[in-house]
Protein backbone atom coordinates (compact mmCIF):
# COMPACT_ATOMS: atom_id res chain seq x y z
CA LYS A 1 138.56 -209.63 56.46
CA LYS A 2 138.61 -209.78 52.63
CA ILE A 3 136.16 -208.07 50.43
CA THR A 4 135.79 -207.81 46.65
CA GLN A 5 135.45 -204.38 45.15
CA ILE A 6 135.70 -202.69 41.76
CA ALA A 7 138.69 -200.35 41.58
CA VAL A 8 139.38 -197.57 39.07
CA ARG A 9 142.71 -197.15 37.34
CA LYS A 10 144.32 -193.78 36.60
CA GLY A 11 143.00 -193.94 32.99
CA GLY A 12 139.42 -194.53 34.24
CA THR A 13 139.12 -198.24 33.48
CA THR A 14 137.73 -200.47 36.23
CA PHE A 15 138.94 -203.83 37.48
CA PRO A 16 138.04 -206.22 40.30
CA ILE A 17 140.19 -206.28 43.42
CA GLU A 18 140.33 -208.28 46.58
CA LEU A 19 140.72 -205.80 49.46
CA GLN A 20 142.01 -206.82 52.82
CA ILE A 21 141.94 -204.23 55.63
CA GLU A 22 143.59 -204.82 58.97
CA ASN A 23 143.54 -202.75 62.09
CA VAL A 24 147.02 -202.66 63.70
CA LYS A 25 147.11 -201.38 67.25
CA LEU A 26 150.23 -199.28 67.85
CA THR A 27 149.55 -198.23 71.44
CA ASP A 28 146.51 -198.27 73.76
CA THR A 29 145.19 -195.12 72.13
CA GLN A 30 146.62 -195.32 68.62
CA SER A 31 146.03 -197.69 65.76
CA ILE A 32 146.44 -197.66 62.01
CA PHE A 33 144.67 -199.45 59.24
CA ILE A 34 146.68 -201.35 56.67
CA ALA A 35 145.07 -202.12 53.38
CA ASN A 36 146.23 -204.67 50.78
CA ALA A 37 144.64 -204.56 47.38
CA ARG A 38 145.14 -207.46 44.93
CA ASP A 39 144.09 -207.38 41.26
CA ILE A 40 141.90 -210.42 40.74
CA THR A 41 140.99 -209.80 37.10
CA ASP A 42 142.25 -213.27 36.00
CA GLU A 43 140.28 -215.11 38.72
CA PHE A 44 137.23 -212.97 37.99
CA LEU A 45 137.38 -213.78 34.23
CA LEU A 46 137.96 -217.48 34.94
CA ASN A 47 134.97 -217.48 37.35
CA GLN A 48 132.78 -215.90 34.62
CA GLN A 49 133.89 -218.62 32.15
CA VAL A 50 133.01 -221.33 34.72
CA VAL A 51 129.57 -219.76 35.28
CA ILE A 52 128.97 -219.56 31.53
CA HIS A 53 129.99 -223.20 30.98
CA GLU A 54 127.85 -224.40 33.95
CA ASN A 55 124.85 -222.54 32.57
CA ILE A 56 125.34 -224.06 29.10
CA ILE A 57 125.42 -227.52 30.60
CA ALA A 58 122.44 -226.81 32.88
CA SER A 59 120.30 -225.41 30.10
CA SER A 60 120.96 -228.11 27.51
CA PRO A 61 117.60 -229.60 26.43
CA VAL A 62 119.27 -232.91 25.65
CA PRO A 63 121.60 -234.96 27.82
CA LEU A 64 125.10 -233.46 27.84
CA ILE A 65 127.94 -235.38 29.42
CA VAL A 66 131.56 -234.38 29.80
CA ILE A 67 134.20 -237.10 30.29
CA SER A 68 137.95 -237.18 30.87
CA THR A 69 140.43 -238.78 28.51
CA THR A 70 140.16 -241.93 30.53
CA GLY A 71 136.32 -242.08 30.41
CA THR A 72 135.57 -240.66 33.83
CA ILE A 73 132.37 -238.62 33.95
CA LYS A 74 133.15 -235.02 34.91
CA LYS A 75 129.81 -233.27 34.25
CA PHE A 76 126.29 -234.69 33.95
CA SER A 77 123.55 -232.27 32.90
CA PRO A 78 120.06 -232.02 34.44
CA ALA A 79 118.73 -233.48 31.10
CA SER A 80 121.11 -236.39 31.53
CA GLU A 81 119.68 -236.99 34.98
CA ARG A 82 116.09 -236.93 33.65
CA GLU A 83 116.76 -239.19 30.63
CA LEU A 84 119.26 -241.61 32.13
CA GLY A 85 118.11 -241.95 35.71
CA TRP A 86 121.42 -241.22 37.43
CA SER A 87 121.87 -238.14 39.56
CA GLU A 88 124.88 -236.01 38.90
CA GLN A 89 126.32 -237.01 42.29
CA GLU A 90 125.97 -240.66 41.35
CA ALA A 91 127.37 -240.36 37.82
CA VAL A 92 130.29 -238.01 38.31
CA GLY A 93 133.49 -240.01 39.03
CA LYS A 94 132.16 -243.17 37.39
CA ASN A 95 133.31 -244.40 33.99
CA ILE A 96 131.08 -243.64 30.98
CA LYS A 97 130.71 -247.48 30.62
CA ILE A 98 127.74 -247.23 32.99
CA LEU A 99 125.76 -245.81 30.09
CA GLN A 100 127.01 -248.23 27.45
CA THR A 101 126.06 -251.65 26.25
CA PRO A 102 128.56 -254.36 27.33
CA GLU A 103 129.94 -254.65 23.79
CA VAL A 104 130.84 -250.92 23.58
CA ALA A 105 131.88 -250.69 27.23
CA ALA A 106 134.40 -253.48 26.68
CA LYS A 107 136.20 -251.38 24.03
CA HIS A 108 135.58 -247.76 24.95
CA ASN A 109 138.61 -247.08 27.19
CA GLN A 110 140.87 -248.47 24.44
CA TYR A 111 139.18 -246.22 21.89
CA LEU A 112 140.00 -243.27 24.10
CA ALA A 113 143.58 -244.36 24.72
CA THR A 114 144.14 -244.90 20.92
CA TYR A 115 142.72 -241.47 20.11
CA MET A 116 144.95 -239.79 22.72
CA LYS A 117 148.01 -241.38 21.10
CA THR A 118 147.15 -240.87 17.43
CA LYS A 119 144.73 -237.95 17.50
CA GLU A 120 143.01 -239.63 14.56
CA LYS A 121 139.39 -238.50 14.68
CA LYS A 122 137.20 -241.48 13.79
CA VAL A 123 134.05 -240.42 15.67
CA LEU A 124 134.65 -236.90 17.05
CA GLY A 125 132.63 -234.33 15.25
CA LYS A 126 130.32 -236.86 13.68
CA SER A 127 126.90 -238.18 14.62
CA LEU A 128 126.58 -241.80 15.59
CA GLU A 129 123.56 -243.98 16.22
CA VAL A 130 124.16 -245.79 19.46
CA THR A 131 122.37 -247.75 22.16
CA VAL A 132 122.31 -246.03 25.52
CA LYS A 133 121.71 -247.75 28.81
CA ARG A 134 119.76 -246.10 31.65
CA LYS A 135 120.40 -246.66 35.31
CA ASN A 136 117.44 -249.05 35.52
CA GLY A 137 118.95 -251.18 32.73
CA THR A 138 116.50 -250.20 29.95
CA GLU A 139 118.09 -249.21 26.66
CA PHE A 140 117.16 -246.75 23.94
CA GLN A 141 118.44 -245.77 20.51
CA ALA A 142 120.04 -242.39 20.38
CA MET A 143 122.14 -240.11 18.20
CA LEU A 144 125.47 -239.35 19.88
CA TYR A 145 127.23 -236.13 18.94
CA PRO A 146 130.76 -236.41 20.42
CA GLY A 147 133.20 -233.52 20.54
CA GLU A 148 136.53 -232.59 22.11
CA ALA A 149 137.53 -229.58 24.18
CA VAL A 150 141.23 -228.93 24.15
CA PRO A 151 142.31 -226.08 26.40
CA ASP A 152 144.89 -223.75 24.80
CA ASP A 153 146.47 -222.72 28.03
CA GLY A 154 148.19 -226.06 28.80
CA THR A 155 146.93 -225.98 32.39
CA HIS A 156 143.73 -228.02 31.98
CA GLU A 157 143.12 -231.43 30.62
CA THR A 158 141.40 -232.31 27.42
CA VAL A 159 137.79 -233.42 27.88
CA PHE A 160 135.23 -235.05 25.60
CA ILE A 161 131.68 -233.72 25.37
CA ALA A 162 128.71 -235.74 24.21
CA HIS A 163 125.17 -234.60 23.39
CA ILE A 164 122.66 -237.51 23.34
CA GLN A 165 119.37 -237.25 21.48
CA ASN A 166 116.82 -239.95 22.17
CA LEU A 167 115.69 -241.15 18.71
CA HIS A 168 112.34 -242.24 20.04
CA ASP A 169 111.62 -238.61 21.07
CA LYS A 170 112.92 -237.29 17.73
CA LYS A 171 110.75 -239.82 15.84
CA LEU A 172 107.74 -238.92 17.97
CA ASN A 173 108.31 -235.20 17.27
CA GLU A 174 108.63 -235.89 13.52
CA ASP A 175 105.44 -237.97 13.57
CA LEU A 176 103.54 -235.21 15.43
CA LEU A 177 104.87 -232.62 12.95
CA ASN A 178 103.77 -234.74 9.96
CA LEU A 179 100.37 -235.29 11.54
CA SER A 180 100.05 -231.58 12.09
CA LYS A 181 100.97 -230.85 8.45
CA THR A 182 98.46 -233.43 7.20
CA THR A 183 95.72 -232.02 9.46
CA CYS A 184 96.40 -228.51 8.15
CA LYS A 185 96.18 -229.72 4.54
CA LEU A 186 92.81 -231.45 5.22
CA SER A 187 91.28 -228.33 6.83
């Protein structure tokens, strides 16, 4: 049986370990316990990073989508589910083209391939007004904020991250704010 514990080093610092204890029977009346402790600091830190990233995605108030360098959807936030009509289970593994108009979808994989060859940033780090397609086929205007996450450890693949802001909602909020300001001035 394996358990996770916090161990203390000679200097007093703590670290996580995986502890495995085994009862070895020597004779009918004698047995010994053998313990194996393994430092799991790296796995512990990696797990913390994963939890942090998952919470960032889950708490995003606007749709947040992570795709691979070939356009495959890797992560699909709860806000994406609400706005776009696809569940995470349905969207993950599909190409991002499912959310694009036919004109953009026809060229998007080539855009990705060209970027991966040249590393010339034409859209990354900028805001773009785009048309987004929901699962039910309806479309809406949105601001797309694309970014890139390049791992520095060489063991993980580059991914692209996109935040999508529905411009109708933004316009509605601006109109409500302006109405509120006007109302305050009149009173």
